[in-house]
Amino acid sequence: MIPTDIMIPAWVDGALTPVEKLAAHQRGLRHLAVSVFVIRDGMILIQQRALGKYHTPGLWANTCCTHPAWGEDPLACADRRLNEELGITGLALSHRGQVEYRADVGNGLTEHEVVEVYLADAPSDMPLVPNPDEVMDTRWIAPDALAAEIAAHPDVFTPWLRIYLAQHADMILGSQ
């Protein structure tokens, strides 16, 4: 399991400060994050979060989402976590923009994130090697099918994926 005591960039009294990741979520602090959407043949790779995750276990999320360590470049973080979570390496990540959201993620925890969002095109033969401490399952799904599933069963998807697709789909997925 990846440690939860990593120091992430969060705003405390208006200043970006290193804060322990779990504490940032317990306190609902606004903090930096990274999200990646990997696309192959018009399909989005989504992951089901491992049951051992300290929030939103077992829920479906976009390809990869994480928090950069204090001082870590967001692009480098996105690339690192694709490898750590899914065994994905060598993709060209394209920055799609920044999203800010606040969501209750259960157990008294809040995600209040300023997210750098990246998109990558995957070759059809790209191998996936999910880390079982991070990822329970993966699947490829068309954007409209994903939107329909979220509409029908929102509680099986993470709050941030629901927000991304409801409010920022054009920015993230438009004109690749």
N, C-alpha and C. Protein backbone atom coordinates (compact mmCIF):
# COMPACT_ATOMS: atom_id res chain seq x y z
N MET A 1 0.85 -1.19 0.00
CA MET A 1 0.00 0.00 0.00
C MET A 1 0.89 1.24 0.00
N ILE A 2 0.51 2.21 -0.79
CA ILE A 2 1.22 3.49 -0.84
C ILE A 2 0.93 4.23 0.46
N PRO A 3 1.95 4.81 1.11
CA PRO A 3 1.71 5.47 2.40
C PRO A 3 0.78 6.67 2.28
N THR A 4 0.00 6.90 3.35
CA THR A 4 -0.89 8.06 3.39
C THR A 4 -0.24 9.23 4.10
N ASP A 5 0.96 9.05 4.64
CA ASP A 5 1.61 10.12 5.39
C ASP A 5 2.47 11.02 4.50
N ILE A 6 2.29 10.91 3.20
CA ILE A 6 3.00 11.77 2.25
C ILE A 6 2.59 13.23 2.48
N MET A 7 3.54 14.14 2.32
CA MET A 7 3.24 15.56 2.47
C MET A 7 2.84 16.12 1.10
N ILE A 8 1.64 16.70 1.06
CA ILE A 8 1.12 17.25 -0.20
C ILE A 8 0.98 18.77 -0.08
N PRO A 9 0.96 19.48 -1.21
CA PRO A 9 0.77 20.93 -1.18
C PRO A 9 -0.68 21.30 -0.88
N ALA A 10 -0.91 21.99 0.23
CA ALA A 10 -2.25 22.44 0.62
C ALA A 10 -2.16 23.88 1.11
N TRP A 11 -3.28 24.58 0.99
CA TRP A 11 -3.32 25.96 1.45
C TRP A 11 -3.71 26.00 2.92
N VAL A 12 -2.86 26.62 3.72
CA VAL A 12 -3.12 26.85 5.14
C VAL A 12 -2.96 28.34 5.38
N ASP A 13 -4.02 28.98 5.84
CA ASP A 13 -4.00 30.43 6.07
C ASP A 13 -3.53 31.19 4.82
N GLY A 14 -3.97 30.72 3.65
CA GLY A 14 -3.67 31.41 2.40
C GLY A 14 -2.33 31.09 1.77
N ALA A 15 -1.52 30.28 2.43
CA ALA A 15 -0.19 29.96 1.89
C ALA A 15 -0.10 28.47 1.56
N LEU A 16 0.51 28.17 0.42
CA LEU A 16 0.74 26.77 0.04
C LEU A 16 1.80 26.19 0.98
N THR A 17 1.43 25.10 1.64
CA THR A 17 2.22 24.54 2.73
C THR A 17 2.24 23.02 2.60
N PRO A 18 3.33 22.35 2.98
CA PRO A 18 3.29 20.88 3.00
C PRO A 18 2.43 20.39 4.17
N VAL A 19 1.42 19.56 3.84
CA VAL A 19 0.50 19.02 4.84
C VAL A 19 0.39 17.52 4.61
N GLU A 20 0.33 16.76 5.68
CA GLU A 20 0.16 15.31 5.55
C GLU A 20 -1.16 15.04 4.83
N LYS A 21 -1.13 14.12 3.86
CA LYS A 21 -2.27 13.90 2.97
C LYS A 21 -3.57 13.61 3.71
N LEU A 22 -3.55 12.68 4.64
CA LEU A 22 -4.78 12.34 5.37
C LEU A 22 -5.29 13.56 6.15
N ALA A 23 -4.40 14.31 6.76
CA ALA A 23 -4.80 15.50 7.52
C ALA A 23 -5.46 16.53 6.60
N ALA A 24 -4.94 16.68 5.38
CA ALA A 24 -5.55 17.63 4.42
C ALA A 24 -7.00 17.24 4.15
N HIS A 25 -7.26 15.95 4.03
CA HIS A 25 -8.62 15.47 3.77
C HIS A 25 -9.50 15.58 5.02
N GLN A 26 -8.94 15.30 6.18
CA GLN A 26 -9.71 15.41 7.42
C GLN A 26 -10.11 16.86 7.69
N ARG A 27 -9.23 17.79 7.36
CA ARG A 27 -9.47 19.21 7.62
C ARG A 27 -10.20 19.88 6.45
N GLY A 28 -10.37 19.18 5.35
CA GLY A 28 -11.03 19.75 4.17
C GLY A 28 -10.24 20.88 3.55
N LEU A 29 -8.90 20.81 3.66
CA LEU A 29 -8.06 21.87 3.11
C LEU A 29 -8.04 21.82 1.59
N ARG A 30 -8.02 22.97 0.98
CA ARG A 30 -7.83 23.08 -0.47
C ARG A 30 -6.40 22.64 -0.77
N HIS A 31 -6.25 21.72 -1.73
CA HIS A 31 -4.92 21.17 -2.00
C HIS A 31 -4.76 20.83 -3.48
N LEU A 32 -3.52 20.62 -3.90
CA LEU A 32 -3.22 20.31 -5.29
C LEU A 32 -3.45 18.84 -5.58
N ALA A 33 -3.85 18.57 -6.82
CA ALA A 33 -4.10 17.21 -7.25
C ALA A 33 -3.83 17.09 -8.75
N VAL A 34 -3.82 15.85 -9.21
CA VAL A 34 -3.59 15.53 -10.61
C VAL A 34 -4.60 14.45 -11.01
N SER A 35 -5.20 14.59 -12.20
CA SER A 35 -6.06 13.55 -12.75
C SER A 35 -5.67 13.28 -14.19
N VAL A 36 -5.72 12.01 -14.56
CA VAL A 36 -5.36 11.60 -15.92
C VAL A 36 -6.50 10.79 -16.52
N PHE A 37 -6.77 11.08 -17.78
CA PHE A 37 -7.71 10.30 -18.58
C PHE A 37 -6.91 9.70 -19.73
N VAL A 38 -6.88 8.38 -19.81
CA VAL A 38 -6.22 7.68 -20.92
C VAL A 38 -7.32 7.21 -21.86
N ILE A 39 -7.13 7.51 -23.15
CA ILE A 39 -8.11 7.20 -24.19
C ILE A 39 -7.48 6.22 -25.19
N ARG A 40 -8.26 5.25 -25.61
CA ARG A 40 -7.83 4.32 -26.67
C ARG A 40 -9.02 4.07 -27.57
N ASP A 41 -8.86 4.39 -28.84
CA ASP A 41 -9.93 4.17 -29.82
C ASP A 41 -11.26 4.77 -29.35
N GLY A 42 -11.21 5.97 -28.78
CA GLY A 42 -12.41 6.66 -28.34
C GLY A 42 -12.99 6.18 -27.02
N MET A 43 -12.32 5.24 -26.37
CA MET A 43 -12.78 4.69 -25.09
C MET A 43 -11.89 5.21 -23.96
N ILE A 44 -12.50 5.49 -22.81
CA ILE A 44 -11.78 5.96 -21.63
C ILE A 44 -11.44 4.77 -20.74
N LEU A 45 -10.20 4.73 -20.26
CA LEU A 45 -9.81 3.73 -19.28
C LEU A 45 -10.23 4.23 -17.90
N ILE A 46 -11.10 3.47 -17.23
CA ILE A 46 -11.47 3.81 -15.86
C ILE A 46 -10.98 2.71 -14.93
N GLN A 47 -10.83 3.07 -13.67
CA GLN A 47 -10.37 2.10 -12.69
C GLN A 47 -11.32 2.04 -11.51
N GLN A 48 -11.43 0.85 -10.93
CA GLN A 48 -12.17 0.68 -9.69
C GLN A 48 -11.15 0.69 -8.56
N ARG A 49 -11.33 1.62 -7.63
CA ARG A 49 -10.38 1.80 -6.56
C ARG A 49 -10.35 0.58 -5.63
N ALA A 50 -9.16 0.23 -5.19
CA ALA A 50 -8.98 -0.93 -4.30
C ALA A 50 -9.77 -0.74 -3.01
N LEU A 51 -10.18 -1.85 -2.42
CA LEU A 51 -10.98 -1.79 -1.20
C LEU A 51 -10.17 -1.29 0.00
N GLY A 52 -8.85 -1.32 -0.09
CA GLY A 52 -8.00 -0.84 0.99
C GLY A 52 -7.77 0.66 0.99
N LYS A 53 -8.29 1.38 0.00
CA LYS A 53 -8.11 2.83 -0.06
C LYS A 53 -8.84 3.48 1.12
N TYR A 54 -8.26 4.53 1.70
CA TYR A 54 -8.86 5.12 2.89
C TYR A 54 -10.08 6.00 2.60
N HIS A 55 -10.31 6.33 1.34
CA HIS A 55 -11.61 6.92 0.99
C HIS A 55 -12.04 6.42 -0.38
N THR A 56 -13.33 6.41 -0.59
CA THR A 56 -13.99 5.95 -1.81
C THR A 56 -13.49 4.58 -2.31
N PRO A 57 -13.30 3.61 -1.38
CA PRO A 57 -12.87 2.28 -1.84
C PRO A 57 -13.96 1.62 -2.67
N GLY A 58 -13.54 0.90 -3.71
CA GLY A 58 -14.47 0.15 -4.54
C GLY A 58 -15.24 0.98 -5.55
N LEU A 59 -15.05 2.30 -5.54
CA LEU A 59 -15.76 3.14 -6.51
C LEU A 59 -14.94 3.27 -7.79
N TRP A 60 -15.64 3.51 -8.89
CA TRP A 60 -14.99 3.70 -10.19
C TRP A 60 -14.56 5.16 -10.33
N ALA A 61 -13.36 5.34 -10.87
CA ALA A 61 -12.77 6.67 -11.07
C ALA A 61 -12.16 6.74 -12.46
N ASN A 62 -11.70 7.94 -12.82
CA ASN A 62 -10.98 8.07 -14.09
C ASN A 62 -9.69 7.26 -14.02
N THR A 63 -8.91 7.27 -15.08
CA THR A 63 -7.75 6.40 -15.20
C THR A 63 -6.84 6.48 -13.99
N CYS A 64 -6.52 7.68 -13.56
CA CYS A 64 -5.58 7.86 -12.47
C CYS A 64 -5.81 9.22 -11.84
N CYS A 65 -5.80 9.28 -10.53
CA CYS A 65 -5.90 10.55 -9.81
C CYS A 65 -5.06 10.46 -8.55
N THR A 66 -4.40 11.56 -8.22
CA THR A 66 -3.50 11.53 -7.08
C THR A 66 -3.16 12.94 -6.64
N HIS A 67 -2.27 13.02 -5.69
CA HIS A 67 -1.77 14.30 -5.18
C HIS A 67 -0.27 14.34 -5.39
N PRO A 68 0.25 15.44 -5.94
CA PRO A 68 1.71 15.54 -6.04
C PRO A 68 2.30 15.67 -4.64
N ALA A 69 3.47 15.10 -4.47
CA ALA A 69 4.20 15.30 -3.23
C ALA A 69 4.66 16.76 -3.18
N TRP A 70 4.96 17.24 -1.99
CA TRP A 70 5.45 18.61 -1.84
C TRP A 70 6.66 18.79 -2.76
N GLY A 71 6.62 19.81 -3.62
CA GLY A 71 7.73 20.11 -4.52
C GLY A 71 7.74 19.31 -5.81
N GLU A 72 6.80 18.39 -6.00
CA GLU A 72 6.77 17.56 -7.20
C GLU A 72 6.00 18.27 -8.32
N ASP A 73 6.55 18.23 -9.52
CA ASP A 73 5.91 18.80 -10.69
C ASP A 73 4.65 17.98 -11.03
N PRO A 74 3.52 18.63 -11.31
CA PRO A 74 2.28 17.89 -11.60
C PRO A 74 2.40 16.90 -12.76
N LEU A 75 3.07 17.27 -13.84
CA LEU A 75 3.23 16.37 -14.97
C LEU A 75 4.05 15.14 -14.58
N ALA A 76 5.13 15.36 -13.86
CA ALA A 76 5.95 14.24 -13.39
C ALA A 76 5.14 13.34 -12.46
N CYS A 77 4.32 13.95 -11.62
CA CYS A 77 3.46 13.20 -10.71
C CYS A 77 2.47 12.33 -11.50
N ALA A 78 1.84 12.91 -12.51
CA ALA A 78 0.87 12.16 -13.32
C ALA A 78 1.54 10.96 -13.98
N ASP A 79 2.71 11.19 -14.53
CA ASP A 79 3.46 10.11 -15.19
C ASP A 79 3.85 9.02 -14.17
N ARG A 80 4.33 9.43 -13.01
CA ARG A 80 4.74 8.49 -11.96
C ARG A 80 3.56 7.64 -11.51
N ARG A 81 2.40 8.29 -11.25
CA ARG A 81 1.26 7.54 -10.71
C ARG A 81 0.62 6.61 -11.74
N LEU A 82 0.67 6.97 -13.03
CA LEU A 82 0.19 6.02 -14.04
C LEU A 82 0.97 4.71 -13.95
N ASN A 83 2.27 4.83 -13.74
CA ASN A 83 3.11 3.65 -13.61
C ASN A 83 2.84 2.92 -12.29
N GLU A 84 2.78 3.66 -11.18
CA GLU A 84 2.58 3.03 -9.87
C GLU A 84 1.22 2.36 -9.74
N GLU A 85 0.18 2.96 -10.30
CA GLU A 85 -1.17 2.40 -10.16
C GLU A 85 -1.49 1.35 -11.21
N LEU A 86 -1.04 1.58 -12.46
CA LEU A 86 -1.51 0.74 -13.57
C LEU A 86 -0.40 0.13 -14.43
N GLY A 87 0.86 0.41 -14.08
CA GLY A 87 1.96 -0.11 -14.88
C GLY A 87 2.07 0.53 -16.25
N ILE A 88 1.48 1.71 -16.43
CA ILE A 88 1.49 2.41 -17.72
C ILE A 88 2.70 3.34 -17.76
N THR A 89 3.49 3.19 -18.82
CA THR A 89 4.65 4.06 -19.03
C THR A 89 4.69 4.55 -20.47
N GLY A 90 5.39 5.65 -20.67
CA GLY A 90 5.70 6.10 -22.02
C GLY A 90 4.61 6.84 -22.77
N LEU A 91 3.51 7.21 -22.11
CA LEU A 91 2.47 7.95 -22.81
C LEU A 91 2.79 9.44 -22.81
N ALA A 92 2.42 10.12 -23.90
CA ALA A 92 2.57 11.57 -23.97
C ALA A 92 1.33 12.19 -23.32
N LEU A 93 1.54 12.86 -22.20
CA LEU A 93 0.43 13.48 -21.48
C LEU A 93 0.23 14.91 -21.96
N SER A 94 -1.01 15.24 -22.26
CA SER A 94 -1.39 16.57 -22.73
C SER A 94 -2.18 17.27 -21.63
N HIS A 95 -1.73 18.45 -21.22
CA HIS A 95 -2.44 19.20 -20.17
C HIS A 95 -3.74 19.75 -20.74
N ARG A 96 -4.86 19.46 -20.08
CA ARG A 96 -6.17 19.87 -20.57
C ARG A 96 -6.74 21.06 -19.82
N GLY A 97 -6.16 21.40 -18.68
CA GLY A 97 -6.64 22.53 -17.91
C GLY A 97 -6.66 22.22 -16.43
N GLN A 98 -7.27 23.15 -15.70
CA GLN A 98 -7.34 23.03 -14.25
C GLN A 98 -8.81 23.07 -13.82
N VAL A 99 -9.13 22.23 -12.85
CA VAL A 99 -10.48 22.14 -12.30
C VAL A 99 -10.37 22.27 -10.79
N GLU A 100 -11.30 23.01 -10.19
CA GLU A 100 -11.37 23.05 -8.74
C GLU A 100 -12.74 22.53 -8.32
N TYR A 101 -12.75 21.66 -7.31
CA TYR A 101 -14.01 21.15 -6.79
C TYR A 101 -13.85 20.84 -5.31
N ARG A 102 -14.98 20.71 -4.65
CA ARG A 102 -15.02 20.30 -3.24
C ARG A 102 -16.09 19.23 -3.13
N ALA A 103 -15.75 18.09 -2.51
CA ALA A 103 -16.70 16.99 -2.39
C ALA A 103 -16.45 16.19 -1.12
N ASP A 104 -17.54 15.78 -0.49
CA ASP A 104 -17.49 14.87 0.64
C ASP A 104 -17.16 13.49 0.08
N VAL A 105 -16.12 12.84 0.62
CA VAL A 105 -15.75 11.51 0.13
C VAL A 105 -15.96 10.43 1.19
N GLY A 106 -16.77 10.75 2.20
CA GLY A 106 -17.13 9.77 3.22
C GLY A 106 -16.15 9.74 4.39
N ASN A 107 -16.58 9.12 5.47
CA ASN A 107 -15.78 8.95 6.68
C ASN A 107 -15.22 10.26 7.23
N GLY A 108 -15.99 11.34 7.07
CA GLY A 108 -15.55 12.63 7.58
C GLY A 108 -14.44 13.28 6.77
N LEU A 109 -14.21 12.80 5.56
CA LEU A 109 -13.13 13.32 4.71
C LEU A 109 -13.70 14.17 3.58
N THR A 110 -12.93 15.18 3.20
CA THR A 110 -13.33 16.08 2.12
C THR A 110 -12.18 16.23 1.14
N GLU A 111 -12.51 16.11 -0.14
CA GLU A 111 -11.57 16.48 -1.20
C GLU A 111 -11.91 17.90 -1.62
N HIS A 112 -10.99 18.82 -1.43
CA HIS A 112 -11.14 20.19 -1.95
C HIS A 112 -9.89 20.41 -2.80
N GLU A 113 -10.02 20.10 -4.07
CA GLU A 113 -8.86 19.98 -4.94
C GLU A 113 -8.79 21.05 -6.02
N VAL A 114 -7.57 21.44 -6.29
CA VAL A 114 -7.22 22.22 -7.47
C VAL A 114 -6.44 21.23 -8.33
N VAL A 115 -7.09 20.76 -9.39
CA VAL A 115 -6.61 19.60 -10.15
C VAL A 115 -6.04 20.01 -11.51
N GLU A 116 -4.84 19.56 -11.79
CA GLU A 116 -4.27 19.65 -13.13
C GLU A 116 -4.72 18.39 -13.86
N VAL A 117 -5.45 18.56 -14.97
CA VAL A 117 -6.02 17.43 -15.69
C VAL A 117 -5.21 17.16 -16.95
N TYR A 118 -4.89 15.89 -17.17
CA TYR A 118 -4.10 15.45 -18.32
C TYR A 118 -4.87 14.39 -19.10
N LEU A 119 -4.59 14.35 -20.39
CA LEU A 119 -5.18 13.38 -21.30
C LEU A 119 -4.04 12.71 -22.07
N ALA A 120 -4.18 11.42 -22.33
CA ALA A 120 -3.19 10.71 -23.13
C ALA A 120 -3.89 9.71 -24.03
N ASP A 121 -3.36 9.56 -25.24
CA ASP A 121 -3.83 8.53 -26.16
C ASP A 121 -2.96 7.29 -25.97
N ALA A 122 -3.61 6.14 -25.87
CA ALA A 122 -2.91 4.88 -25.65
C ALA A 122 -2.92 4.04 -26.92
N PRO A 123 -1.82 3.36 -27.18
CA PRO A 123 -1.83 2.41 -28.30
C PRO A 123 -2.71 1.21 -27.96
N SER A 124 -3.23 0.56 -28.99
CA SER A 124 -4.16 -0.56 -28.76
C SER A 124 -3.51 -1.73 -28.03
N ASP A 125 -2.18 -1.82 -28.09
CA ASP A 125 -1.49 -2.94 -27.44
C ASP A 125 -0.85 -2.56 -26.11
N MET A 126 -1.26 -1.44 -25.54
CA MET A 126 -0.67 -0.99 -24.28
C MET A 126 -0.99 -1.98 -23.16
N PRO A 127 0.05 -2.49 -22.49
CA PRO A 127 -0.21 -3.42 -21.38
C PRO A 127 -0.67 -2.66 -20.14
N LEU A 128 -1.51 -3.31 -19.36
CA LEU A 128 -1.93 -2.80 -18.06
C LEU A 128 -1.48 -3.78 -16.99
N VAL A 129 -0.86 -3.26 -15.93
CA VAL A 129 -0.44 -4.09 -14.81
C VAL A 129 -0.92 -3.38 -13.54
N PRO A 130 -2.22 -3.51 -13.22
CA PRO A 130 -2.75 -2.82 -12.05
C PRO A 130 -2.10 -3.25 -10.74
N ASN A 131 -1.79 -2.28 -9.91
CA ASN A 131 -1.26 -2.52 -8.57
C ASN A 131 -2.47 -2.86 -7.68
N PRO A 132 -2.56 -4.07 -7.14
CA PRO A 132 -3.75 -4.46 -6.37
C PRO A 132 -3.96 -3.63 -5.10
N ASP A 133 -2.93 -2.95 -4.60
CA ASP A 133 -3.10 -2.06 -3.44
C ASP A 133 -3.83 -0.79 -3.83
N GLU A 134 -3.85 -0.47 -5.12
CA GLU A 134 -4.45 0.76 -5.62
C GLU A 134 -5.70 0.53 -6.45
N VAL A 135 -5.69 -0.53 -7.26
CA VAL A 135 -6.71 -0.74 -8.29
C VAL A 135 -7.29 -2.15 -8.18
N MET A 136 -8.62 -2.21 -8.09
CA MET A 136 -9.33 -3.48 -8.00
C MET A 136 -9.67 -4.03 -9.38
N ASP A 137 -9.99 -3.13 -10.32
CA ASP A 137 -10.40 -3.55 -11.65
C ASP A 137 -10.22 -2.38 -12.61
N THR A 138 -10.21 -2.67 -13.89
CA THR A 138 -10.14 -1.63 -14.92
C THR A 138 -11.08 -2.03 -16.05
N ARG A 139 -11.47 -1.03 -16.82
CA ARG A 139 -12.23 -1.31 -18.04
C ARG A 139 -12.19 -0.10 -18.96
N TRP A 140 -12.41 -0.35 -20.23
CA TRP A 140 -12.49 0.70 -21.24
C TRP A 140 -13.96 0.94 -21.52
N ILE A 141 -14.36 2.21 -21.61
CA ILE A 141 -15.77 2.53 -21.80
C ILE A 141 -15.91 3.80 -22.65
N ALA A 142 -16.90 3.82 -23.52
CA ALA A 142 -17.17 4.99 -24.34
C ALA A 142 -17.69 6.12 -23.45
N PRO A 143 -17.34 7.37 -23.76
CA PRO A 143 -17.80 8.50 -22.93
C PRO A 143 -19.32 8.55 -22.73
N ASP A 144 -20.13 8.29 -23.80
CA ASP A 144 -21.59 8.36 -23.60
C ASP A 144 -22.10 7.20 -22.76
N ALA A 145 -21.47 6.03 -22.88
CA ALA A 145 -21.86 4.90 -22.05
C ALA A 145 -21.50 5.19 -20.58
N LEU A 146 -20.36 5.82 -20.36
CA LEU A 146 -19.96 6.18 -19.00
C LEU A 146 -20.95 7.20 -18.42
N ALA A 147 -21.30 8.21 -19.20
CA ALA A 147 -22.27 9.21 -18.73
C ALA A 147 -23.60 8.55 -18.38
N ALA A 148 -24.04 7.59 -19.19
CA ALA A 148 -25.30 6.89 -18.94
C ALA A 148 -25.21 6.05 -17.66
N GLU A 149 -24.08 5.39 -17.45
CA GLU A 149 -23.91 4.59 -16.22
C GLU A 149 -23.89 5.49 -14.99
N ILE A 150 -23.21 6.63 -15.09
CA ILE A 150 -23.17 7.57 -13.97
C ILE A 150 -24.57 8.08 -13.66
N ALA A 151 -25.36 8.38 -14.69
CA ALA A 151 -26.73 8.86 -14.48
C ALA A 151 -27.58 7.78 -13.81
N ALA A 152 -27.39 6.53 -14.20
CA ALA A 152 -28.20 5.44 -13.67
C ALA A 152 -27.74 4.98 -12.28
N HIS A 153 -26.44 5.02 -12.03
CA HIS A 153 -25.88 4.49 -10.77
C HIS A 153 -24.76 5.40 -10.25
N PRO A 154 -25.07 6.64 -9.88
CA PRO A 154 -24.02 7.59 -9.48
C PRO A 154 -23.19 7.13 -8.28
N ASP A 155 -23.79 6.35 -7.39
CA ASP A 155 -23.08 5.96 -6.17
C ASP A 155 -21.96 4.96 -6.37
N VAL A 156 -21.79 4.42 -7.57
CA VAL A 156 -20.66 3.51 -7.81
C VAL A 156 -19.47 4.24 -8.45
N PHE A 157 -19.59 5.56 -8.60
CA PHE A 157 -18.53 6.38 -9.19
C PHE A 157 -18.06 7.42 -8.17
N THR A 158 -16.78 7.76 -8.24
CA THR A 158 -16.24 8.76 -7.32
C THR A 158 -16.87 10.12 -7.58
N PRO A 159 -16.98 10.94 -6.55
CA PRO A 159 -17.55 12.28 -6.75
C PRO A 159 -16.80 13.08 -7.80
N TRP A 160 -15.47 12.98 -7.84
CA TRP A 160 -14.71 13.78 -8.81
C TRP A 160 -14.96 13.35 -10.24
N LEU A 161 -15.13 12.06 -10.50
CA LEU A 161 -15.43 11.63 -11.87
C LEU A 161 -16.79 12.16 -12.29
N ARG A 162 -17.76 12.11 -11.39
CA ARG A 162 -19.09 12.65 -11.70
C ARG A 162 -18.99 14.15 -12.01
N ILE A 163 -18.21 14.89 -11.22
CA ILE A 163 -18.03 16.33 -11.44
C ILE A 163 -17.32 16.59 -12.76
N TYR A 164 -16.23 15.87 -13.01
CA TYR A 164 -15.48 16.07 -14.26
C TYR A 164 -16.39 15.92 -15.47
N LEU A 165 -17.17 14.84 -15.50
CA LEU A 165 -17.98 14.58 -16.70
C LEU A 165 -19.20 15.49 -16.78
N ALA A 166 -19.76 15.87 -15.65
CA ALA A 166 -20.94 16.74 -15.67
C ALA A 166 -20.57 18.19 -16.00
N GLN A 167 -19.41 18.65 -15.54
CA GLN A 167 -19.09 20.07 -15.64
C GLN A 167 -17.90 20.40 -16.55
N HIS A 168 -17.05 19.41 -16.86
CA HIS A 168 -15.81 19.72 -17.56
C HIS A 168 -15.49 18.77 -18.71
N ALA A 169 -16.46 18.00 -19.17
CA ALA A 169 -16.20 16.99 -20.22
C ALA A 169 -15.63 17.62 -21.49
N ASP A 170 -16.17 18.77 -21.90
CA ASP A 170 -15.66 19.40 -23.13
C ASP A 170 -14.20 19.77 -22.99
N MET A 171 -13.82 20.34 -21.86
CA MET A 171 -12.42 20.72 -21.63
C MET A 171 -11.51 19.49 -21.64
N ILE A 172 -11.96 18.44 -20.94
CA ILE A 172 -11.11 17.27 -20.77
C ILE A 172 -11.06 16.41 -22.03
N LEU A 173 -12.21 16.11 -22.59
CA LEU A 173 -12.29 15.14 -23.69
C LEU A 173 -12.48 15.76 -25.08
N GLY A 174 -12.86 17.03 -25.14
CA GLY A 174 -13.15 17.67 -26.42
C GLY A 174 -11.93 17.84 -27.30
N SER A 175 -12.14 17.75 -28.58
CA SER A 175 -11.11 17.93 -29.63
C SER A 175 -9.73 17.47 -29.20
N GLN A 176 -9.62 16.17 -29.04
CA GLN A 176 -8.34 15.56 -28.67
C GLN A 176 -7.33 15.81 -29.77
